């Protein structure tokens, strides 16, 4: 079985973002989506620290110390982009003006709950941060993550055991194994992404039963 790497997951997300969408990229893997936006599609990327018109990562040696994304990584801004106060940025999020947000996660539940800020470890991030606002304010929530933990357990679960970031908000999950939609009647497999992985094998790895067109 050949899994997708992080850049391949990001590229798969970018394929699904429609023309004209306003999209927030969370910290970590989601920021890589900026590197894979199709050049023939106008998509406006938003960063919660106050950027609209975020571009791809800068080439080595071209970094601007005064231009970073929400994860404090070097960033670029496209022609026509703008900077603004983070209070205005959160006004956009809380006002429902973001079409899609892309978040990482530790767990996603079958009902669309997301847990992405705390695992109970002593050195974990001390607060939920802007992800809570994004989960509640964006029209759609896409999650990017590895499908399994280092212990081989599914991160897609019946019920989250970690503290929640948002409730019933996730619409689609992109992993190194598959793309899965979360709907009112359960989890629907959109696509198997890992080469050599069958639906039956994916179902054994996944924490929750999957619906599959071929099985209908």
N, C-alpha and C. Protein backbone atom coordinates (compact mmCIF):
# COMPACT_ATOMS: atom_id res chain seq x y z
N UNK A 1 0.84 -1.20 0.00
CA UNK A 1 0.00 0.00 0.00
C UNK A 1 0.88 1.25 0.00
N UNK A 2 0.61 2.18 -0.92
CA UNK A 2 1.36 3.42 -1.02
C UNK A 2 0.47 4.57 -0.59
N UNK A 3 0.76 5.16 0.56
CA UNK A 3 -0.03 6.26 1.09
C UNK A 3 0.37 7.58 0.44
N UNK A 4 -0.54 8.56 0.51
CA UNK A 4 -0.21 9.91 0.08
C UNK A 4 0.72 10.56 1.09
N UNK A 5 1.64 11.41 0.61
CA UNK A 5 2.43 12.19 1.55
C UNK A 5 1.69 13.50 1.83
N UNK A 6 2.27 14.34 2.66
CA UNK A 6 1.57 15.56 3.10
C UNK A 6 1.26 16.49 1.92
N UNK A 7 2.21 16.63 1.01
CA UNK A 7 1.98 17.49 -0.14
C UNK A 7 0.91 16.93 -1.07
N UNK A 8 0.85 15.63 -1.18
CA UNK A 8 -0.17 15.01 -2.02
C UNK A 8 -1.56 15.18 -1.41
N UNK A 9 -1.65 15.11 -0.08
CA UNK A 9 -2.93 15.38 0.59
C UNK A 9 -3.37 16.81 0.32
N UNK A 10 -2.43 17.76 0.46
CA UNK A 10 -2.74 19.16 0.22
C UNK A 10 -3.19 19.40 -1.21
N UNK A 11 -2.53 18.74 -2.16
CA UNK A 11 -2.89 18.89 -3.57
C UNK A 11 -4.28 18.33 -3.83
N UNK A 12 -4.62 17.24 -3.14
CA UNK A 12 -5.96 16.65 -3.32
C UNK A 12 -7.04 17.60 -2.81
N UNK A 13 -6.77 18.29 -1.71
CA UNK A 13 -7.71 19.29 -1.20
C UNK A 13 -7.88 20.42 -2.21
N UNK A 14 -6.77 20.91 -2.73
CA UNK A 14 -6.80 22.05 -3.66
C UNK A 14 -7.67 21.75 -4.88
N UNK A 15 -7.68 20.51 -5.33
CA UNK A 15 -8.49 20.13 -6.49
C UNK A 15 -9.98 20.37 -6.26
N UNK A 16 -10.42 20.29 -5.01
CA UNK A 16 -11.85 20.38 -4.70
C UNK A 16 -12.33 21.79 -4.36
N UNK A 17 -11.43 22.74 -4.31
CA UNK A 17 -11.83 24.11 -3.96
C UNK A 17 -12.34 24.81 -5.20
N UNK A 18 -13.58 25.31 -5.17
CA UNK A 18 -14.17 25.88 -6.38
C UNK A 18 -13.69 27.30 -6.68
N UNK A 19 -13.89 27.69 -7.92
CA UNK A 19 -13.58 29.05 -8.39
C UNK A 19 -14.28 30.09 -7.51
N UNK A 20 -13.52 31.11 -7.11
CA UNK A 20 -14.10 32.22 -6.38
C UNK A 20 -14.27 32.00 -4.89
N UNK A 21 -13.83 30.86 -4.36
CA UNK A 21 -14.03 30.57 -2.94
C UNK A 21 -13.05 31.37 -2.07
N UNK A 22 -13.54 31.76 -0.89
CA UNK A 22 -12.70 32.37 0.14
C UNK A 22 -12.37 31.26 1.14
N UNK A 23 -11.08 30.98 1.30
CA UNK A 23 -10.65 29.79 2.01
C UNK A 23 -9.62 30.13 3.08
N UNK A 24 -9.89 29.71 4.31
CA UNK A 24 -8.92 29.86 5.39
C UNK A 24 -8.10 28.58 5.52
N UNK A 25 -6.80 28.73 5.67
CA UNK A 25 -5.90 27.59 5.86
C UNK A 25 -5.39 27.59 7.29
N UNK A 26 -5.69 26.53 8.03
CA UNK A 26 -5.20 26.38 9.39
C UNK A 26 -3.72 26.08 9.41
N UNK A 27 -3.15 26.03 10.60
CA UNK A 27 -1.71 25.79 10.73
C UNK A 27 -1.38 24.33 10.47
N UNK A 28 -0.11 24.09 10.13
CA UNK A 28 0.33 22.72 9.87
C UNK A 28 0.08 22.32 8.42
N UNK A 29 -0.35 21.09 8.23
CA UNK A 29 -0.57 20.55 6.89
C UNK A 29 -1.46 21.43 6.02
N UNK A 30 -2.55 22.03 6.55
CA UNK A 30 -3.41 22.85 5.70
C UNK A 30 -2.70 23.99 4.97
N UNK A 31 -1.64 24.54 5.56
CA UNK A 31 -0.95 25.65 4.91
C UNK A 31 -0.32 25.22 3.59
N UNK A 32 -0.06 23.92 3.43
CA UNK A 32 0.55 23.43 2.18
C UNK A 32 -0.41 23.54 1.00
N UNK A 33 -1.70 23.66 1.28
CA UNK A 33 -2.68 23.79 0.20
C UNK A 33 -2.37 25.00 -0.67
N UNK A 34 -1.82 26.04 -0.07
CA UNK A 34 -1.49 27.26 -0.82
C UNK A 34 -0.52 26.99 -1.97
N UNK A 35 0.30 25.96 -1.85
CA UNK A 35 1.28 25.64 -2.89
C UNK A 35 0.68 24.90 -4.06
N UNK A 36 -0.59 24.50 -3.95
CA UNK A 36 -1.17 23.62 -4.96
C UNK A 36 -2.46 24.17 -5.58
N UNK A 37 -2.76 25.43 -5.35
CA UNK A 37 -3.95 26.04 -5.94
C UNK A 37 -3.78 26.07 -7.47
N UNK A 38 -4.73 25.55 -8.24
CA UNK A 38 -4.61 25.58 -9.71
C UNK A 38 -4.43 27.00 -10.22
N UNK A 39 -3.50 27.20 -11.14
CA UNK A 39 -3.19 28.53 -11.63
C UNK A 39 -4.31 29.13 -12.46
N UNK A 40 -5.21 28.28 -12.98
CA UNK A 40 -6.30 28.79 -13.80
C UNK A 40 -7.57 29.04 -12.98
N UNK A 41 -7.45 28.97 -11.65
CA UNK A 41 -8.62 29.13 -10.79
C UNK A 41 -8.38 30.26 -9.79
N UNK A 42 -9.30 31.21 -9.70
CA UNK A 42 -9.15 32.30 -8.73
C UNK A 42 -9.74 31.86 -7.40
N UNK A 43 -8.87 31.65 -6.43
CA UNK A 43 -9.26 31.25 -5.08
C UNK A 43 -8.58 32.21 -4.12
N UNK A 44 -9.33 32.81 -3.22
CA UNK A 44 -8.78 33.81 -2.31
C UNK A 44 -8.50 33.16 -0.96
N UNK A 45 -7.22 33.07 -0.63
CA UNK A 45 -6.82 32.43 0.62
C UNK A 45 -6.74 33.46 1.75
N UNK A 46 -7.24 33.06 2.91
CA UNK A 46 -7.33 33.93 4.09
C UNK A 46 -6.49 33.32 5.20
N UNK A 47 -5.77 34.17 5.92
CA UNK A 47 -5.01 33.73 7.08
C UNK A 47 -5.51 34.50 8.29
N UNK A 48 -5.76 33.81 9.40
CA UNK A 48 -6.43 34.45 10.53
C UNK A 48 -5.62 35.54 11.19
N UNK A 49 -4.30 35.59 10.92
CA UNK A 49 -3.51 36.67 11.49
C UNK A 49 -3.63 37.97 10.70
N UNK A 50 -4.47 37.97 9.63
CA UNK A 50 -4.78 39.22 8.96
C UNK A 50 -4.29 39.36 7.54
N UNK A 51 -4.47 38.32 6.73
CA UNK A 51 -4.08 38.38 5.32
C UNK A 51 -5.24 37.87 4.46
N UNK A 52 -5.52 38.57 3.39
CA UNK A 52 -6.44 38.10 2.37
C UNK A 52 -5.68 38.17 1.05
N UNK A 53 -5.62 37.05 0.34
CA UNK A 53 -4.80 36.98 -0.86
C UNK A 53 -3.47 36.31 -0.60
N UNK A 54 -3.48 35.37 0.35
CA UNK A 54 -2.27 34.60 0.69
C UNK A 54 -1.81 33.81 -0.52
N UNK A 55 -0.51 33.77 -0.74
CA UNK A 55 0.08 33.02 -1.85
C UNK A 55 0.82 31.79 -1.37
N UNK A 56 1.56 31.13 -2.25
CA UNK A 56 2.32 29.94 -1.86
C UNK A 56 3.52 30.29 -1.00
N UNK A 57 4.15 29.28 -0.46
CA UNK A 57 5.37 29.51 0.33
C UNK A 57 6.44 30.17 -0.53
N UNK A 58 7.23 31.07 0.03
CA UNK A 58 8.29 31.71 -0.76
C UNK A 58 9.42 30.73 -1.07
N UNK A 59 10.12 30.98 -2.16
CA UNK A 59 11.28 30.17 -2.51
C UNK A 59 12.38 30.40 -1.48
N UNK A 60 13.23 29.41 -1.24
CA UNK A 60 14.34 29.59 -0.29
C UNK A 60 15.16 30.83 -0.63
N UNK A 61 15.40 31.65 0.38
CA UNK A 61 16.15 32.88 0.20
C UNK A 61 15.29 34.08 -0.13
N UNK A 62 13.99 33.84 -0.40
CA UNK A 62 13.08 34.93 -0.75
C UNK A 62 12.11 35.26 0.38
N UNK A 63 12.36 34.75 1.57
CA UNK A 63 11.46 34.97 2.71
C UNK A 63 11.50 36.43 3.16
N UNK A 64 10.35 36.92 3.58
CA UNK A 64 10.22 38.26 4.16
C UNK A 64 9.90 38.06 5.63
N UNK A 65 10.77 38.53 6.52
CA UNK A 65 10.58 38.32 7.95
C UNK A 65 9.30 38.96 8.48
N UNK A 66 8.77 39.92 7.76
CA UNK A 66 7.56 40.61 8.19
C UNK A 66 6.29 40.00 7.60
N UNK A 67 6.42 38.92 6.86
CA UNK A 67 5.25 38.31 6.21
C UNK A 67 5.19 36.82 6.57
N UNK A 68 4.26 36.48 7.46
CA UNK A 68 4.10 35.11 7.92
C UNK A 68 2.62 34.72 7.90
N UNK A 69 2.36 33.41 7.91
CA UNK A 69 0.99 32.94 7.99
C UNK A 69 0.61 32.70 9.45
N UNK A 70 -0.56 32.12 9.67
CA UNK A 70 -1.05 31.92 11.04
C UNK A 70 -0.17 30.98 11.85
N UNK A 71 0.58 30.12 11.17
CA UNK A 71 1.49 29.21 11.86
C UNK A 71 2.89 29.75 12.01
N UNK A 72 3.06 31.05 11.71
CA UNK A 72 4.35 31.76 11.81
C UNK A 72 5.37 31.28 10.78
N UNK A 73 4.90 30.62 9.73
CA UNK A 73 5.78 30.20 8.65
C UNK A 73 5.87 31.30 7.60
N UNK A 74 7.00 31.42 6.88
CA UNK A 74 7.11 32.44 5.84
C UNK A 74 6.01 32.29 4.80
N UNK A 75 5.48 33.42 4.34
CA UNK A 75 4.38 33.40 3.39
C UNK A 75 4.61 34.42 2.29
N UNK A 76 3.74 34.38 1.29
CA UNK A 76 3.72 35.41 0.25
C UNK A 76 2.30 35.93 0.14
N UNK A 77 2.18 37.08 -0.53
CA UNK A 77 0.85 37.65 -0.78
C UNK A 77 0.74 37.95 -2.27
N UNK A 78 -0.40 37.61 -2.84
CA UNK A 78 -0.60 37.80 -4.26
C UNK A 78 -0.96 39.24 -4.60
N UNK A 79 -0.81 39.62 -5.86
CA UNK A 79 -1.18 40.95 -6.30
C UNK A 79 -2.65 41.19 -5.99
N UNK A 80 -2.95 42.32 -5.37
CA UNK A 80 -4.31 42.63 -4.97
C UNK A 80 -4.65 42.19 -3.57
N UNK A 81 -3.72 41.49 -2.91
CA UNK A 81 -3.94 41.03 -1.54
C UNK A 81 -3.89 42.19 -0.55
N UNK A 82 -4.26 41.90 0.70
CA UNK A 82 -4.31 42.97 1.71
C UNK A 82 -3.96 42.45 3.09
N UNK A 83 -3.52 43.37 3.95
CA UNK A 83 -3.24 43.11 5.35
C UNK A 83 -4.26 43.86 6.20
N UNK A 84 -4.58 43.33 7.36
CA UNK A 84 -5.52 44.03 8.25
C UNK A 84 -5.36 43.49 9.66
N UNK A 85 -6.00 44.18 10.61
CA UNK A 85 -5.94 43.80 12.02
C UNK A 85 -6.58 42.43 12.22
N UNK A 86 -6.06 41.66 13.17
CA UNK A 86 -6.62 40.32 13.37
C UNK A 86 -8.06 40.36 13.88
N UNK A 87 -8.47 41.47 14.50
CA UNK A 87 -9.87 41.59 14.90
C UNK A 87 -10.79 41.63 13.68
N UNK A 88 -10.34 42.31 12.62
CA UNK A 88 -11.10 42.33 11.37
C UNK A 88 -11.11 40.93 10.74
N UNK A 89 -9.97 40.25 10.87
CA UNK A 89 -9.87 38.89 10.33
C UNK A 89 -10.89 37.96 11.00
N UNK A 90 -10.99 38.06 12.31
CA UNK A 90 -11.95 37.22 13.02
C UNK A 90 -13.39 37.68 12.78
N UNK A 91 -13.56 38.96 12.45
CA UNK A 91 -14.88 39.43 12.06
C UNK A 91 -15.34 38.75 10.78
N UNK A 92 -14.40 38.53 9.85
CA UNK A 92 -14.72 37.80 8.62
C UNK A 92 -15.12 36.36 8.94
N UNK A 93 -14.38 35.74 9.85
CA UNK A 93 -14.64 34.34 10.20
C UNK A 93 -15.99 34.22 10.92
N UNK A 94 -16.17 35.03 11.95
CA UNK A 94 -17.39 34.92 12.77
C UNK A 94 -18.62 35.43 12.02
N UNK A 95 -18.41 36.26 11.02
CA UNK A 95 -19.52 36.79 10.25
C UNK A 95 -19.99 35.88 9.14
N UNK A 96 -19.36 34.71 9.00
CA UNK A 96 -19.79 33.75 7.99
C UNK A 96 -19.31 34.06 6.59
N UNK A 97 -18.21 34.79 6.47
CA UNK A 97 -17.72 35.20 5.15
C UNK A 97 -16.66 34.26 4.57
N UNK A 98 -16.30 33.21 5.30
CA UNK A 98 -15.33 32.23 4.81
C UNK A 98 -16.09 31.02 4.26
N UNK A 99 -15.86 30.70 3.00
CA UNK A 99 -16.57 29.59 2.38
C UNK A 99 -16.08 28.24 2.90
N UNK A 100 -14.78 28.09 2.99
CA UNK A 100 -14.18 26.82 3.41
C UNK A 100 -13.03 27.11 4.35
N UNK A 101 -12.91 26.36 5.42
CA UNK A 101 -11.67 26.37 6.19
C UNK A 101 -11.08 24.96 6.15
N UNK A 102 -9.77 24.90 6.11
CA UNK A 102 -9.05 23.63 6.09
C UNK A 102 -8.29 23.51 7.40
N UNK A 103 -8.63 22.51 8.20
CA UNK A 103 -8.03 22.33 9.51
C UNK A 103 -7.36 20.97 9.64
N UNK A 104 -6.34 20.89 10.45
CA UNK A 104 -5.79 19.61 10.86
C UNK A 104 -6.61 19.08 12.02
N UNK A 105 -6.40 17.82 12.38
CA UNK A 105 -7.18 17.25 13.49
C UNK A 105 -6.47 16.07 14.12
N UNK A 106 -6.75 15.88 15.42
CA UNK A 106 -6.34 14.65 16.11
C UNK A 106 -7.41 13.58 15.95
N UNK A 107 -8.67 14.02 15.94
CA UNK A 107 -9.79 13.10 15.79
C UNK A 107 -10.95 13.80 15.07
N UNK A 108 -11.68 13.02 14.28
CA UNK A 108 -12.95 13.47 13.70
C UNK A 108 -13.99 12.40 14.00
N UNK A 109 -15.14 12.80 14.51
CA UNK A 109 -16.19 11.84 14.85
C UNK A 109 -17.15 11.65 13.68
N UNK A 110 -17.88 10.55 13.73
CA UNK A 110 -18.81 10.20 12.66
C UNK A 110 -19.91 11.23 12.46
N UNK A 111 -20.19 12.02 13.49
CA UNK A 111 -21.24 13.04 13.37
C UNK A 111 -20.69 14.41 12.95
N UNK A 112 -19.38 14.49 12.67
CA UNK A 112 -18.78 15.74 12.24
C UNK A 112 -18.10 16.54 13.32
N UNK A 113 -18.06 16.05 14.55
CA UNK A 113 -17.29 16.72 15.61
C UNK A 113 -15.81 16.68 15.25
N UNK A 114 -15.07 17.71 15.68
CA UNK A 114 -13.63 17.74 15.46
C UNK A 114 -12.90 18.05 16.77
N UNK A 115 -11.79 17.37 16.99
CA UNK A 115 -10.90 17.63 18.13
C UNK A 115 -9.51 17.86 17.54
N UNK A 116 -9.00 19.08 17.69
CA UNK A 116 -7.70 19.34 17.04
C UNK A 116 -6.75 20.20 17.87
N UNK A 117 -7.01 20.30 19.19
CA UNK A 117 -6.15 21.21 19.94
C UNK A 117 -5.54 20.61 21.20
N UNK A 118 -5.99 19.49 21.69
CA UNK A 118 -5.47 18.96 22.95
C UNK A 118 -5.62 17.45 23.01
N UNK A 119 -4.54 16.79 23.41
CA UNK A 119 -4.58 15.32 23.56
C UNK A 119 -4.42 14.88 25.01
N UNK A 120 -4.30 15.85 25.92
CA UNK A 120 -4.08 15.51 27.31
C UNK A 120 -2.61 15.48 27.71
N UNK A 121 -1.73 15.66 26.73
CA UNK A 121 -0.30 15.67 27.04
C UNK A 121 0.08 16.94 27.80
N UNK A 122 1.07 16.82 28.65
CA UNK A 122 1.46 17.94 29.51
C UNK A 122 1.98 19.14 28.72
N UNK A 123 2.60 18.89 27.57
CA UNK A 123 3.18 19.99 26.79
C UNK A 123 2.29 20.44 25.65
N UNK A 124 1.00 20.09 25.70
CA UNK A 124 0.08 20.44 24.62
C UNK A 124 -0.25 21.93 24.62
N UNK A 125 -0.77 22.41 23.50
CA UNK A 125 -1.19 23.80 23.39
C UNK A 125 -2.22 24.09 24.49
N UNK A 126 -2.09 25.21 25.21
CA UNK A 126 -2.95 25.45 26.38
C UNK A 126 -4.36 25.95 26.09
N UNK A 127 -4.67 26.26 24.82
CA UNK A 127 -6.00 26.81 24.53
C UNK A 127 -6.41 26.44 23.11
N UNK A 128 -7.71 26.47 22.85
CA UNK A 128 -8.23 26.03 21.56
C UNK A 128 -7.88 26.98 20.42
N UNK A 129 -7.77 28.26 20.68
CA UNK A 129 -7.35 29.21 19.65
C UNK A 129 -8.41 29.46 18.60
N UNK A 130 -7.96 29.97 17.43
CA UNK A 130 -8.87 30.39 16.38
C UNK A 130 -9.61 29.26 15.69
N UNK A 131 -9.14 28.02 15.87
CA UNK A 131 -9.82 26.89 15.22
C UNK A 131 -11.27 26.78 15.65
N UNK A 132 -11.57 27.17 16.88
CA UNK A 132 -12.95 27.13 17.37
C UNK A 132 -13.83 28.07 16.55
N UNK A 133 -13.33 29.27 16.28
CA UNK A 133 -14.09 30.24 15.48
C UNK A 133 -14.27 29.75 14.05
N UNK A 134 -13.22 29.15 13.50
CA UNK A 134 -13.28 28.65 12.13
C UNK A 134 -14.27 27.50 12.00
N UNK A 135 -14.23 26.59 12.96
CA UNK A 135 -15.14 25.44 12.92
C UNK A 135 -16.59 25.88 12.97
N UNK A 136 -16.86 26.96 13.71
CA UNK A 136 -18.23 27.44 13.86
C UNK A 136 -18.64 28.41 12.75
N UNK A 137 -17.67 29.16 12.21
CA UNK A 137 -18.01 30.25 11.31
C UNK A 137 -17.92 29.94 9.83
N UNK A 138 -17.07 28.98 9.44
CA UNK A 138 -16.92 28.68 8.01
C UNK A 138 -18.12 27.90 7.49
N UNK A 139 -18.44 28.11 6.22
CA UNK A 139 -19.59 27.42 5.62
C UNK A 139 -19.32 25.93 5.44
N UNK A 140 -18.06 25.56 5.17
CA UNK A 140 -17.66 24.16 5.08
C UNK A 140 -16.34 23.98 5.81
N UNK A 141 -16.15 22.85 6.44
CA UNK A 141 -14.91 22.53 7.14
C UNK A 141 -14.31 21.27 6.52
N UNK A 142 -13.13 21.44 5.92
CA UNK A 142 -12.36 20.31 5.40
C UNK A 142 -11.27 19.98 6.41
N UNK A 143 -11.05 18.70 6.66
CA UNK A 143 -10.01 18.27 7.59
C UNK A 143 -8.93 17.50 6.83
N UNK A 144 -7.68 17.82 7.11
CA UNK A 144 -6.55 17.07 6.56
C UNK A 144 -5.79 16.42 7.70
N UNK A 145 -5.48 15.14 7.54
CA UNK A 145 -4.75 14.43 8.60
C UNK A 145 -4.31 13.06 8.10
N UNK A 146 -3.38 12.45 8.80
CA UNK A 146 -3.08 11.04 8.55
C UNK A 146 -4.25 10.23 9.09
N UNK A 147 -4.55 9.13 8.42
CA UNK A 147 -5.74 8.36 8.79
C UNK A 147 -5.57 7.64 10.13
N UNK A 148 -4.33 7.24 10.42
CA UNK A 148 -4.06 6.44 11.62
C UNK A 148 -3.07 7.13 12.54
N UNK A 149 -3.18 6.85 13.82
CA UNK A 149 -2.19 7.33 14.79
C UNK A 149 -0.92 6.50 14.66
N UNK A 150 0.12 6.89 15.37
CA UNK A 150 1.37 6.12 15.36
C UNK A 150 1.17 4.72 15.93
N UNK A 151 0.11 4.56 16.71
CA UNK A 151 -0.21 3.25 17.28
C UNK A 151 -1.11 2.42 16.36
N UNK A 152 -1.45 2.99 15.19
CA UNK A 152 -2.27 2.26 14.24
C UNK A 152 -3.76 2.36 14.47
N UNK A 153 -4.19 3.29 15.32
CA UNK A 153 -5.62 3.46 15.59
C UNK A 153 -6.20 4.54 14.67
N UNK A 154 -7.45 4.36 14.28
CA UNK A 154 -8.10 5.31 13.38
C UNK A 154 -8.33 6.64 14.08
N UNK A 155 -8.07 7.73 13.34
CA UNK A 155 -8.38 9.06 13.85
C UNK A 155 -9.83 9.45 13.54
N UNK A 156 -10.48 8.66 12.70
CA UNK A 156 -11.92 8.82 12.47
C UNK A 156 -12.61 7.86 13.42
N UNK A 157 -13.39 8.40 14.33
CA UNK A 157 -13.91 7.62 15.44
C UNK A 157 -15.43 7.79 15.58
N UNK A 158 -16.03 6.91 16.35
CA UNK A 158 -17.46 7.04 16.61
C UNK A 158 -17.75 8.28 17.44
N UNK A 159 -16.89 8.51 18.41
CA UNK A 159 -17.03 9.69 19.29
C UNK A 159 -15.65 10.15 19.73
N UNK A 160 -15.40 11.45 19.66
CA UNK A 160 -14.09 11.98 20.03
C UNK A 160 -13.82 11.77 21.52
N UNK A 161 -12.62 11.33 21.84
CA UNK A 161 -12.22 11.20 23.24
C UNK A 161 -11.41 12.40 23.71
N UNK A 162 -10.94 13.23 22.77
CA UNK A 162 -10.22 14.45 23.11
C UNK A 162 -11.20 15.62 23.22
N UNK A 163 -10.80 16.70 23.88
CA UNK A 163 -11.67 17.88 23.98
C UNK A 163 -12.05 18.40 22.60
N UNK A 164 -13.32 18.77 22.42
CA UNK A 164 -13.81 19.19 21.12
C UNK A 164 -13.39 20.61 20.76
N UNK A 165 -13.16 20.81 19.46
CA UNK A 165 -12.95 22.14 18.89
C UNK A 165 -14.25 22.68 18.34
N UNK A 166 -15.01 21.81 17.67
CA UNK A 166 -16.28 22.19 17.08
C UNK A 166 -17.21 20.99 17.04
N UNK A 167 -18.51 21.27 16.98
CA UNK A 167 -19.54 20.22 17.03
C UNK A 167 -20.26 20.14 15.68
N UNK A 168 -20.35 18.94 15.14
CA UNK A 168 -21.09 18.66 13.90
C UNK A 168 -20.77 19.68 12.80
N UNK A 169 -19.51 19.91 12.57
CA UNK A 169 -19.11 20.95 11.63
C UNK A 169 -18.31 20.43 10.43
N UNK A 170 -17.67 19.29 10.55
CA UNK A 170 -16.81 18.78 9.48
C UNK A 170 -17.66 18.24 8.33
N UNK A 171 -17.33 18.66 7.12
CA UNK A 171 -18.06 18.19 5.94
C UNK A 171 -17.28 17.16 5.14
N UNK A 172 -15.96 17.27 5.11
CA UNK A 172 -15.16 16.32 4.35
C UNK A 172 -13.81 16.11 5.01
N UNK A 173 -13.30 14.88 4.95
CA UNK A 173 -12.00 14.53 5.54
C UNK A 173 -11.08 14.02 4.44
N UNK A 174 -9.86 14.56 4.41
CA UNK A 174 -8.83 14.14 3.46
C UNK A 174 -7.68 13.51 4.25
N UNK A 175 -7.39 12.25 3.99
CA UNK A 175 -6.29 11.59 4.69
C UNK A 175 -5.30 11.03 3.69
N UNK A 176 -4.27 10.39 4.21
CA UNK A 176 -3.29 9.73 3.34
C UNK A 176 -3.84 8.45 2.72
N UNK A 177 -5.05 8.05 3.14
CA UNK A 177 -5.66 6.84 2.61
C UNK A 177 -6.90 7.11 1.76
N UNK A 178 -7.69 8.12 2.12
CA UNK A 178 -8.99 8.28 1.47
C UNK A 178 -9.56 9.68 1.65
N UNK A 179 -10.60 9.96 0.85
CA UNK A 179 -11.43 11.16 1.01
C UNK A 179 -12.81 10.67 1.43
N UNK A 180 -13.33 11.24 2.52
CA UNK A 180 -14.59 10.78 3.10
C UNK A 180 -15.48 11.96 3.41
N UNK A 181 -16.73 11.88 2.97
CA UNK A 181 -17.74 12.89 3.31
C UNK A 181 -18.48 12.49 4.58
N UNK A 182 -18.80 13.49 5.40
CA UNK A 182 -19.60 13.26 6.59
C UNK A 182 -20.99 13.84 6.34
N UNK A 183 -21.99 12.95 6.31
CA UNK A 183 -23.37 13.35 6.05
C UNK A 183 -24.26 12.91 7.20
N UNK A 184 -25.52 13.32 7.12
CA UNK A 184 -26.45 13.03 8.21
C UNK A 184 -26.64 11.53 8.43
N UNK A 185 -26.49 10.75 7.36
CA UNK A 185 -26.70 9.31 7.49
C UNK A 185 -25.40 8.53 7.63
N UNK A 186 -24.29 9.22 7.88
CA UNK A 186 -23.03 8.50 8.13
C UNK A 186 -21.88 8.95 7.26
N UNK A 187 -20.86 8.12 7.19
CA UNK A 187 -19.64 8.42 6.44
C UNK A 187 -19.73 7.82 5.05
N UNK A 188 -19.49 8.65 4.04
CA UNK A 188 -19.56 8.21 2.65
C UNK A 188 -18.16 8.29 2.03
N UNK A 189 -17.67 7.17 1.53
CA UNK A 189 -16.38 7.16 0.87
C UNK A 189 -16.48 7.86 -0.48
N UNK A 190 -15.63 8.86 -0.68
CA UNK A 190 -15.58 9.58 -1.95
C UNK A 190 -14.53 8.96 -2.86
N UNK A 191 -13.38 8.64 -2.27
CA UNK A 191 -12.25 8.16 -3.08
C UNK A 191 -11.23 7.48 -2.19
N UNK A 192 -10.70 6.36 -2.65
CA UNK A 192 -9.54 5.75 -2.01
C UNK A 192 -8.30 6.33 -2.67
N UNK A 193 -7.42 6.92 -1.88
CA UNK A 193 -6.25 7.62 -2.41
C UNK A 193 -4.98 6.78 -2.35
N UNK A 194 -4.92 5.85 -1.42
CA UNK A 194 -3.72 5.03 -1.26
C UNK A 194 -3.68 3.94 -2.32
N UNK A 195 -2.61 3.88 -3.04
CA UNK A 195 -2.46 2.88 -4.10
C UNK A 195 -2.39 1.47 -3.49
N UNK A 196 -3.19 0.56 -4.03
CA UNK A 196 -3.17 -0.82 -3.56
C UNK A 196 -4.07 -1.09 -2.36
N UNK A 197 -4.87 -0.12 -1.95
CA UNK A 197 -5.76 -0.29 -0.80
C UNK A 197 -7.18 -0.58 -1.29
N UNK A 198 -7.75 -1.68 -0.85
CA UNK A 198 -9.11 -2.03 -1.23
C UNK A 198 -10.11 -1.41 -0.25
N UNK A 199 -11.38 -1.37 -0.66
CA UNK A 199 -12.41 -0.85 0.23
C UNK A 199 -12.50 -1.69 1.50
N UNK A 200 -12.39 -3.00 1.35
CA UNK A 200 -12.48 -3.90 2.52
C UNK A 200 -11.35 -3.64 3.50
N UNK A 201 -10.14 -3.42 2.98
CA UNK A 201 -9.00 -3.14 3.86
C UNK A 201 -9.15 -1.78 4.53
N UNK A 202 -9.64 -0.79 3.78
CA UNK A 202 -9.86 0.52 4.36
C UNK A 202 -10.90 0.43 5.47
N UNK A 203 -11.96 -0.32 5.24
CA UNK A 203 -13.01 -0.46 6.25
C UNK A 203 -12.47 -1.05 7.55
N UNK A 204 -11.55 -1.99 7.44
CA UNK A 204 -10.95 -2.60 8.64
C UNK A 204 -10.10 -1.58 9.41
N UNK A 205 -9.46 -0.68 8.66
CA UNK A 205 -8.61 0.33 9.30
C UNK A 205 -9.42 1.48 9.89
N UNK A 206 -10.56 1.79 9.26
CA UNK A 206 -11.37 2.94 9.69
C UNK A 206 -12.11 2.63 10.98
N UNK A 207 -12.28 3.63 11.81
CA UNK A 207 -12.92 3.40 13.11
C UNK A 207 -14.42 3.31 13.07
N UNK A 208 -15.02 3.67 11.93
CA UNK A 208 -16.47 3.76 11.82
C UNK A 208 -16.89 3.16 10.47
N UNK A 209 -18.04 2.49 10.37
CA UNK A 209 -18.49 1.93 9.11
C UNK A 209 -18.59 2.99 8.01
N UNK A 210 -18.19 2.60 6.80
CA UNK A 210 -18.22 3.49 5.64
C UNK A 210 -19.30 3.05 4.66
N UNK A 211 -19.94 4.02 4.06
CA UNK A 211 -20.88 3.73 2.97
C UNK A 211 -20.11 3.86 1.66
N UNK A 212 -20.42 2.95 0.75
CA UNK A 212 -19.68 2.87 -0.51
C UNK A 212 -20.65 2.61 -1.63
N UNK A 213 -20.57 3.39 -2.70
CA UNK A 213 -21.51 3.26 -3.80
C UNK A 213 -21.56 1.84 -4.35
N UNK A 214 -20.41 1.23 -4.49
CA UNK A 214 -20.35 -0.11 -5.07
C UNK A 214 -21.03 -1.14 -4.19
N UNK A 215 -21.17 -0.80 -2.88
CA UNK A 215 -21.77 -1.74 -1.94
C UNK A 215 -23.26 -1.51 -1.79
N UNK A 216 -23.80 -0.47 -2.43
CA UNK A 216 -25.20 -0.13 -2.28
C UNK A 216 -26.10 -1.11 -3.04
